[in-house]
Amino acid sequence: MAYLVRCPIYLVSMARKEAQKVKRQGRPTIIGAGLTERWYFTHMNELEHLKVKVRPRYFGHEDIFCLEKRVAQVLKEDGSAIVVFDADVSTWNDAEKAKLDALKKKYAKSKHVTLCDSLPSIEYWFLLHYQNTNRYFGTSKAVIKELVRYISHFDKTESFLANKRWVEDMCADGRLNVAYQRAKDFGDSGESYTHIPEMLEKLCR
């Protein structure tokens, strides 16, 4: 099986550049909304050797308030945080949209907090490994319905997600590079988007 090792080739040149020195030491901590994010980054940490901490206690509910509390905890411990979450709830819940907008504004210029939201959900990032699309999906369920065409039996349960094979297969044959470039090319211009590439850029320097 041809499998991509280390960082995507689009990021190799970045990895060769001398990283800027920062006051905060150690690896950044991933803060996520649920099991999918937790297991995906756990597997990516092993398969792609990402320099990031994945701790179960920093994963939980989608609620923006809870995510912000975890960010504050990481910053209090003099660490840096990468926050990965789904933005779909903000499209139908005005209160959550206001919280999300406030969160983005608060950390817009922060060197220690990177926000990586996906619309409608992180499963859209997974789908980019197989499809070149940024069409409207509306919900994560709609994305998953399309995703199972390529990842059979994909399921948001721990019994499925804990097996790294689904991530290994998804990234094989250069598909991680493809997904990265598609996401960068689309940006925020369509009905769906993901900022996962920004996280990869930060971790692969």
C-alpha atoms as a PDB file:
ATOM      1  CA  MET A   1       0.000   0.000   0.000  1.00  0.00           C
ATOM      2  CA  ALA A   2       1.424   3.355  -1.020  1.00  0.00           C
ATOM      3  CA  TYR A   3       1.071   5.497   2.045  1.00  0.00           C
ATOM      4  CA  LEU A   4       2.023   9.056   2.716  1.00  0.00           C
ATOM      5  CA  VAL A   5       4.485   9.389   5.564  1.00  0.00           C
ATOM      6  CA  ARG A   6       5.070  12.545   7.543  1.00  0.00           C
ATOM      7  CA  CYS A   7       3.513  15.812   6.360  1.00  0.00           C
ATOM      8  CA  PRO A   8       1.781  16.460   3.016  1.00  0.00           C
ATOM      9  CA  ILE A   9       4.179  17.316   0.197  1.00  0.00           C
ATOM     10  CA  TYR A  10       2.576  20.724  -0.121  1.00  0.00           C
ATOM     11  CA  LEU A  11       3.919  21.494   3.334  1.00  0.00           C
ATOM     12  CA  VAL A  12       7.436  20.135   2.924  1.00  0.00           C
ATOM     13  CA  SER A  13       8.878  23.480   1.883  1.00  0.00           C
ATOM     14  CA  MET A  14       7.331  25.027   4.961  1.00  0.00           C
ATOM     15  CA  ALA A  15       8.886  22.375   7.149  1.00  0.00           C
ATOM     16  CA  ARG A  16      12.295  23.326   5.851  1.00  0.00           C
ATOM     17  CA  LYS A  17      11.915  26.933   6.868  1.00  0.00           C
ATOM     18  CA  GLU A  18      13.249  27.902  10.226  1.00  0.00           C
ATOM     19  CA  ALA A  19      10.376  28.044  12.694  1.00  0.00           C
ATOM     20  CA  GLN A  20       9.853  31.240  14.605  1.00  0.00           C
ATOM     21  CA  LYS A  21      10.698  31.036  18.272  1.00  0.00           C
ATOM     22  CA  VAL A  22       7.757  31.268  20.645  1.00  0.00           C
ATOM     23  CA  LYS A  23       7.655  31.707  24.385  1.00  0.00           C
ATOM     24  CA  ARG A  24       5.380  28.750  25.022  1.00  0.00           C
ATOM     25  CA  GLN A  25       7.182  25.441  24.887  1.00  0.00           C
ATOM     26  CA  GLY A  26       6.027  21.949  23.986  1.00  0.00           C
ATOM     27  CA  ARG A  27       3.380  20.669  21.679  1.00  0.00           C
ATOM     28  CA  PRO A  28       0.034  22.444  21.211  1.00  0.00           C
ATOM     29  CA  THR A  29      -3.061  20.756  22.597  1.00  0.00           C
ATOM     30  CA  ILE A  30      -5.945  19.711  20.363  1.00  0.00           C
ATOM     31  CA  ILE A  31      -9.340  20.733  21.719  1.00  0.00           C
ATOM     32  CA  GLY A  32     -12.238  19.046  19.947  1.00  0.00           C
ATOM     33  CA  ALA A  33     -15.949  18.608  20.077  1.00  0.00           C
ATOM     34  CA  GLY A  34     -16.303  14.841  20.189  1.00  0.00           C
ATOM     35  CA  LEU A  35     -15.157  11.282  19.557  1.00  0.00           C
ATOM     36  CA  THR A  36     -14.601  11.730  15.828  1.00  0.00           C
ATOM     37  CA  GLU A  37     -12.088  14.528  16.304  1.00  0.00           C
ATOM     38  CA  ARG A  38     -10.416  12.765  19.215  1.00  0.00           C
ATOM     39  CA  TRP A  39      -9.793   9.496  17.371  1.00  0.00           C
ATOM     40  CA  TYR A  40      -8.947  11.113  14.032  1.00  0.00           C
ATOM     41  CA  PHE A  41      -6.157  13.178  15.564  1.00  0.00           C
ATOM     42  CA  THR A  42      -5.018  10.305  17.752  1.00  0.00           C
ATOM     43  CA  HIS A  43      -4.478   8.226  14.609  1.00  0.00           C
ATOM     44  CA  MET A  44      -2.980  11.132  12.656  1.00  0.00           C
ATOM     45  CA  ASN A  45      -0.541  11.743  15.486  1.00  0.00           C
ATOM     46  CA  GLU A  46       0.740   8.210  15.015  1.00  0.00           C
ATOM     47  CA  LEU A  47       0.531   7.936  11.230  1.00  0.00           C
ATOM     48  CA  GLU A  48       1.748  11.417  10.273  1.00  0.00           C
ATOM     49  CA  HIS A  49       3.851  12.139  13.354  1.00  0.00           C
ATOM     50  CA  LEU A  50       2.034  15.372  14.122  1.00  0.00           C
ATOM     51  CA  LYS A  51       3.523  17.303  17.001  1.00  0.00           C
ATOM     52  CA  VAL A  52       0.360  17.765  19.016  1.00  0.00           C
ATOM     53  CA  LYS A  53      -1.121  16.591  22.312  1.00  0.00           C
ATOM     54  CA  VAL A  54      -4.356  14.607  22.115  1.00  0.00           C
ATOM     55  CA  ARG A  55      -5.880  14.234  25.575  1.00  0.00           C
ATOM     56  CA  PRO A  56      -9.388  12.741  26.087  1.00  0.00           C
ATOM     57  CA  ARG A  57     -10.270  15.372  28.698  1.00  0.00           C
ATOM     58  CA  TYR A  58     -10.097  18.095  26.054  1.00  0.00           C
ATOM     59  CA  PHE A  59     -12.842  16.531  23.930  1.00  0.00           C
ATOM     60  CA  GLY A  60     -16.546  16.661  24.650  1.00  0.00           C
ATOM     61  CA  HIS A  61     -19.609  18.649  23.655  1.00  0.00           C
ATOM     62  CA  GLU A  62     -20.080  20.854  20.581  1.00  0.00           C
ATOM     63  CA  ASP A  63     -21.103  23.784  22.770  1.00  0.00           C
ATOM     64  CA  ILE A  64     -18.929  26.850  22.084  1.00  0.00           C
ATOM     65  CA  PHE A  65     -18.976  27.791  25.766  1.00  0.00           C
ATOM     66  CA  CYS A  66     -17.423  24.439  26.727  1.00  0.00           C
ATOM     67  CA  LEU A  67     -14.780  24.730  24.022  1.00  0.00           C
ATOM     68  CA  GLU A  68     -13.843  28.195  25.227  1.00  0.00           C
ATOM     69  CA  LYS A  69     -13.496  26.940  28.797  1.00  0.00           C
ATOM     70  CA  ARG A  70     -11.038  24.301  27.623  1.00  0.00           C
ATOM     71  CA  VAL A  71      -9.071  26.905  25.683  1.00  0.00           C
ATOM     72  CA  ALA A  72      -8.833  29.046  28.816  1.00  0.00           C
ATOM     73  CA  GLN A  73      -7.574  26.035  30.766  1.00  0.00           C
ATOM     74  CA  VAL A  74      -4.820  25.314  28.239  1.00  0.00           C
ATOM     75  CA  LEU A  75      -3.755  28.956  28.141  1.00  0.00           C
ATOM     76  CA  LYS A  76      -3.725  29.102  31.942  1.00  0.00           C
ATOM     77  CA  GLU A  77      -1.220  26.251  31.897  1.00  0.00           C
ATOM     78  CA  ASP A  78       0.946  28.345  29.555  1.00  0.00           C
ATOM     79  CA  GLY A  79       0.187  26.140  26.563  1.00  0.00           C
ATOM     80  CA  SER A  80      -1.186  26.721  23.083  1.00  0.00           C
ATOM     81  CA  ALA A  81      -4.417  25.326  21.677  1.00  0.00           C
ATOM     82  CA  ILE A  82      -5.792  24.180  18.333  1.00  0.00           C
ATOM     83  CA  VAL A  83      -9.582  24.107  18.448  1.00  0.00           C
ATOM     84  CA  VAL A  84     -11.344  21.780  15.996  1.00  0.00           C
ATOM     85  CA  PHE A  85     -15.125  21.931  15.818  1.00  0.00           C
ATOM     86  CA  ASP A  86     -18.180  21.774  13.548  1.00  0.00           C
ATOM     87  CA  ALA A  87     -19.816  25.045  12.538  1.00  0.00           C
ATOM     88  CA  ASP A  88     -23.127  23.622  11.318  1.00  0.00           C
ATOM     89  CA  VAL A  89     -25.051  24.444  14.505  1.00  0.00           C
ATOM     90  CA  SER A  90     -24.285  28.144  13.983  1.00  0.00           C
ATOM     91  CA  THR A  91     -26.278  28.098  10.735  1.00  0.00           C
ATOM     92  CA  TRP A  92     -29.594  27.433  12.480  1.00  0.00           C
ATOM     93  CA  ASN A  93     -28.961  28.576  16.059  1.00  0.00           C
ATOM     94  CA  ASP A  94     -28.550  32.355  16.405  1.00  0.00           C
ATOM     95  CA  ALA A  95     -27.224  32.089  19.947  1.00  0.00           C
ATOM     96  CA  GLU A  96     -24.478  29.650  18.910  1.00  0.00           C
ATOM     97  CA  LYS A  97     -23.656  31.814  15.884  1.00  0.00           C
ATOM     98  CA  ALA A  98     -23.155  34.797  18.165  1.00  0.00           C
ATOM     99  CA  LYS A  99     -20.890  32.737  20.435  1.00  0.00           C
ATOM    100  CA  LEU A 100     -18.894  31.473  17.458  1.00  0.00           C
ATOM    101  CA  ASP A 101     -18.462  34.970  16.045  1.00  0.00           C
ATOM    102  CA  ALA A 102     -17.322  36.203  19.466  1.00  0.00           C
ATOM    103  CA  LEU A 103     -14.857  33.308  19.801  1.00  0.00           C
ATOM    104  CA  LYS A 104     -13.332  34.027  16.389  1.00  0.00           C
ATOM    105  CA  LYS A 105     -13.049  37.726  17.162  1.00  0.00           C
ATOM    106  CA  LYS A 106     -11.479  37.064  20.565  1.00  0.00           C
ATOM    107  CA  TYR A 107      -8.683  34.873  19.213  1.00  0.00           C
ATOM    108  CA  ALA A 108      -8.313  36.350  15.726  1.00  0.00           C
ATOM    109  CA  LYS A 109      -4.853  37.746  16.469  1.00  0.00           C
ATOM    110  CA  SER A 110      -3.759  35.206  19.059  1.00  0.00           C
ATOM    111  CA  LYS A 111      -0.465  33.410  18.467  1.00  0.00           C
ATOM    112  CA  HIS A 112      -1.463  30.692  20.905  1.00  0.00           C
ATOM    113  CA  VAL A 113      -4.961  29.745  19.709  1.00  0.00           C
ATOM    114  CA  THR A 114      -5.789  28.377  16.256  1.00  0.00           C
ATOM    115  CA  LEU A 115      -9.463  27.884  15.385  1.00  0.00           C
ATOM    116  CA  CYS A 116     -10.163  25.171  12.802  1.00  0.00           C
ATOM    117  CA  ASP A 117     -13.877  24.936  12.159  1.00  0.00           C
ATOM    118  CA  SER A 118     -15.511  22.994   9.341  1.00  0.00           C
ATOM    119  CA  LEU A 119     -18.901  23.583   7.740  1.00  0.00           C
ATOM    120  CA  PRO A 120     -20.944  21.557   8.129  1.00  0.00           C
ATOM    121  CA  SER A 121     -18.578  19.213  10.015  1.00  0.00           C
ATOM    122  CA  ILE A 122     -15.165  17.543  10.070  1.00  0.00           C
ATOM    123  CA  GLU A 123     -16.620  14.764   7.905  1.00  0.00           C
ATOM    124  CA  TYR A 124     -16.514  17.271   5.036  1.00  0.00           C
ATOM    125  CA  TRP A 125     -12.700  17.309   5.447  1.00  0.00           C
ATOM    126  CA  PHE A 126     -12.754  13.517   5.195  1.00  0.00           C
ATOM    127  CA  LEU A 127     -14.885  13.668   2.049  1.00  0.00           C
ATOM    128  CA  LEU A 128     -12.349  15.960   0.353  1.00  0.00           C
ATOM    129  CA  HIS A 129      -9.971  13.006   0.317  1.00  0.00           C
ATOM    130  CA  TYR A 130     -12.325  11.460  -2.262  1.00  0.00           C
ATOM    131  CA  GLN A 131     -14.421  14.226  -3.838  1.00  0.00           C
ATOM    132  CA  ASN A 132     -13.589  17.644  -5.232  1.00  0.00           C
ATOM    133  CA  THR A 133     -16.663  19.484  -3.956  1.00  0.00           C
ATOM    134  CA  ASN A 134     -17.741  22.340  -1.733  1.00  0.00           C
ATOM    135  CA  ARG A 135     -21.460  22.060  -2.438  1.00  0.00           C
ATOM    136  CA  TYR A 136     -24.135  22.524   0.175  1.00  0.00           C
ATOM    137  CA  PHE A 137     -24.668  19.604   2.582  1.00  0.00           C
ATOM    138  CA  GLY A 138     -26.485  21.265   5.455  1.00  0.00           C
ATOM    139  CA  THR A 139     -25.711  18.715   8.154  1.00  0.00           C
ATOM    140  CA  SER A 140     -23.011  16.220   9.081  1.00  0.00           C
ATOM    141  CA  LYS A 141     -25.481  13.402   8.371  1.00  0.00           C
ATOM    142  CA  ALA A 142     -25.705  14.538   4.754  1.00  0.00           C
ATOM    143  CA  VAL A 143     -21.907  14.468   4.447  1.00  0.00           C
ATOM    144  CA  ILE A 144     -21.670  11.044   6.097  1.00  0.00           C
ATOM    145  CA  LYS A 145     -24.272   9.684   3.669  1.00  0.00           C
ATOM    146  CA  GLU A 146     -21.857  10.608   0.865  1.00  0.00           C
ATOM    147  CA  LEU A 147     -18.741   9.546   2.778  1.00  0.00           C
ATOM    148  CA  VAL A 148     -19.869   5.948   3.277  1.00  0.00           C
ATOM    149  CA  ARG A 149     -19.573   5.472  -0.478  1.00  0.00           C
ATOM    150  CA  TYR A 150     -15.801   5.534   0.103  1.00  0.00           C
ATOM    151  CA  ILE A 151     -15.393   4.503   3.746  1.00  0.00           C
ATOM    152  CA  SER A 152     -17.784   1.612   4.131  1.00  0.00           C
ATOM    153  CA  HIS A 153     -19.442   1.266   7.521  1.00  0.00           C
ATOM    154  CA  PHE A 154     -18.210   4.720   8.627  1.00  0.00           C
ATOM    155  CA  ASP A 155     -19.857   5.366  11.943  1.00  0.00           C
ATOM    156  CA  LYS A 156     -19.459   7.944  14.717  1.00  0.00           C
ATOM    157  CA  THR A 157     -19.118   5.278  17.395  1.00  0.00           C
ATOM    158  CA  GLU A 158     -16.011   4.499  19.403  1.00  0.00           C
ATOM    159  CA  SER A 159     -15.959   0.889  18.219  1.00  0.00           C
ATOM    160  CA  PHE A 160     -15.450   2.091  14.637  1.00  0.00           C
ATOM    161  CA  LEU A 161     -13.403   5.236  15.199  1.00  0.00           C
ATOM    162  CA  ALA A 162     -10.863   3.627  17.550  1.00  0.00           C
ATOM    163  CA  ASN A 163      -9.560   1.402  14.736  1.00  0.00           C
ATOM    164  CA  LYS A 164      -6.917   3.435  12.885  1.00  0.00           C
ATOM    165  CA  ARG A 165      -7.451   1.535   9.621  1.00  0.00           C
ATOM    166  CA  TRP A 166     -10.106   3.971   8.373  1.00  0.00           C
ATOM    167  CA  VAL A 167      -7.695   6.906   8.713  1.00  0.00           C
ATOM    168  CA  GLU A 168      -4.819   4.923   7.252  1.00  0.00           C
ATOM    169  CA  ASP A 169      -6.873   3.976   4.200  1.00  0.00           C
ATOM    170  CA  MET A 170      -8.278   7.473   3.802  1.00  0.00           C
ATOM    171  CA  CYS A 171      -4.807   9.045   3.671  1.00  0.00           C
ATOM    172  CA  ALA A 172      -3.314   6.385   1.381  1.00  0.00           C
ATOM    173  CA  ASP A 173      -2.249   6.942  -2.235  1.00  0.00           C
ATOM    174  CA  GLY A 174      -1.643  10.660  -1.755  1.00  0.00           C
ATOM    175  CA  ARG A 175      -5.228  11.464  -0.785  1.00  0.00           C
ATOM    176  CA  LEU A 176      -4.135  13.558   2.194  1.00  0.00           C
ATOM    177  CA  ASN A 177      -2.247  15.844  -0.175  1.00  0.00           C
ATOM    178  CA  VAL A 178      -5.273  16.002  -2.458  1.00  0.00           C
ATOM    179  CA  ALA A 179      -7.648  16.914   0.376  1.00  0.00           C
ATOM    180  CA  TYR A 180      -5.253  19.575   1.636  1.00  0.00           C
ATOM    181  CA  GLN A 181      -4.985  21.246  -1.761  1.00  0.00           C
ATOM    182  CA  ARG A 182      -8.723  21.075  -2.431  1.00  0.00           C
ATOM    183  CA  ALA A 183      -9.522  22.701   0.897  1.00  0.00           C
ATOM    184  CA  LYS A 184      -6.958  25.451   0.267  1.00  0.00           C
ATOM    185  CA  ASP A 185      -8.266  26.084  -3.258  1.00  0.00           C
ATOM    186  CA  PHE A 186     -11.881  26.317  -2.099  1.00  0.00           C
ATOM    187  CA  GLY A 187     -11.191  28.463   0.950  1.00  0.00           C
ATOM    188  CA  ASP A 188     -14.443  29.864   2.342  1.00  0.00           C
ATOM    189  CA  SER A 189     -15.934  30.556  -1.072  1.00  0.00           C
ATOM    190  CA  GLY A 190     -18.529  27.798  -1.200  1.00  0.00           C
ATOM    191  CA  GLU A 191     -21.361  26.289   0.799  1.00  0.00           C
ATOM    192  CA  SER A 192     -18.920  24.024   2.650  1.00  0.00           C
ATOM    193  CA  TYR A 193     -15.427  24.708   3.975  1.00  0.00           C
ATOM    194  CA  THR A 194     -12.783  23.434   6.375  1.00  0.00           C
ATOM    195  CA  HIS A 195      -9.836  25.044   8.121  1.00  0.00           C
ATOM    196  CA  ILE A 196      -8.089  21.770   8.924  1.00  0.00           C
ATOM    197  CA  PRO A 197      -5.247  22.717   6.499  1.00  0.00           C
ATOM    198  CA  GLU A 198      -4.366  25.636   8.786  1.00  0.00           C
ATOM    199  CA  MET A 199      -3.834  23.142  11.581  1.00  0.00           C
ATOM    200  CA  LEU A 200      -1.598  21.001   9.365  1.00  0.00           C
ATOM    201  CA  GLU A 201       0.454  24.050   8.404  1.00  0.00           C
ATOM    202  CA  LYS A 202       0.946  24.944  12.039  1.00  0.00           C
ATOM    203  CA  LEU A 203       1.982  21.416  13.065  1.00  0.00           C
ATOM    204  CA  CYS A 204       4.224  20.705  10.091  1.00  0.00           C
ATOM    205  CA  ARG A 205       6.520  23.711  10.370  1.00  0.00           C
END
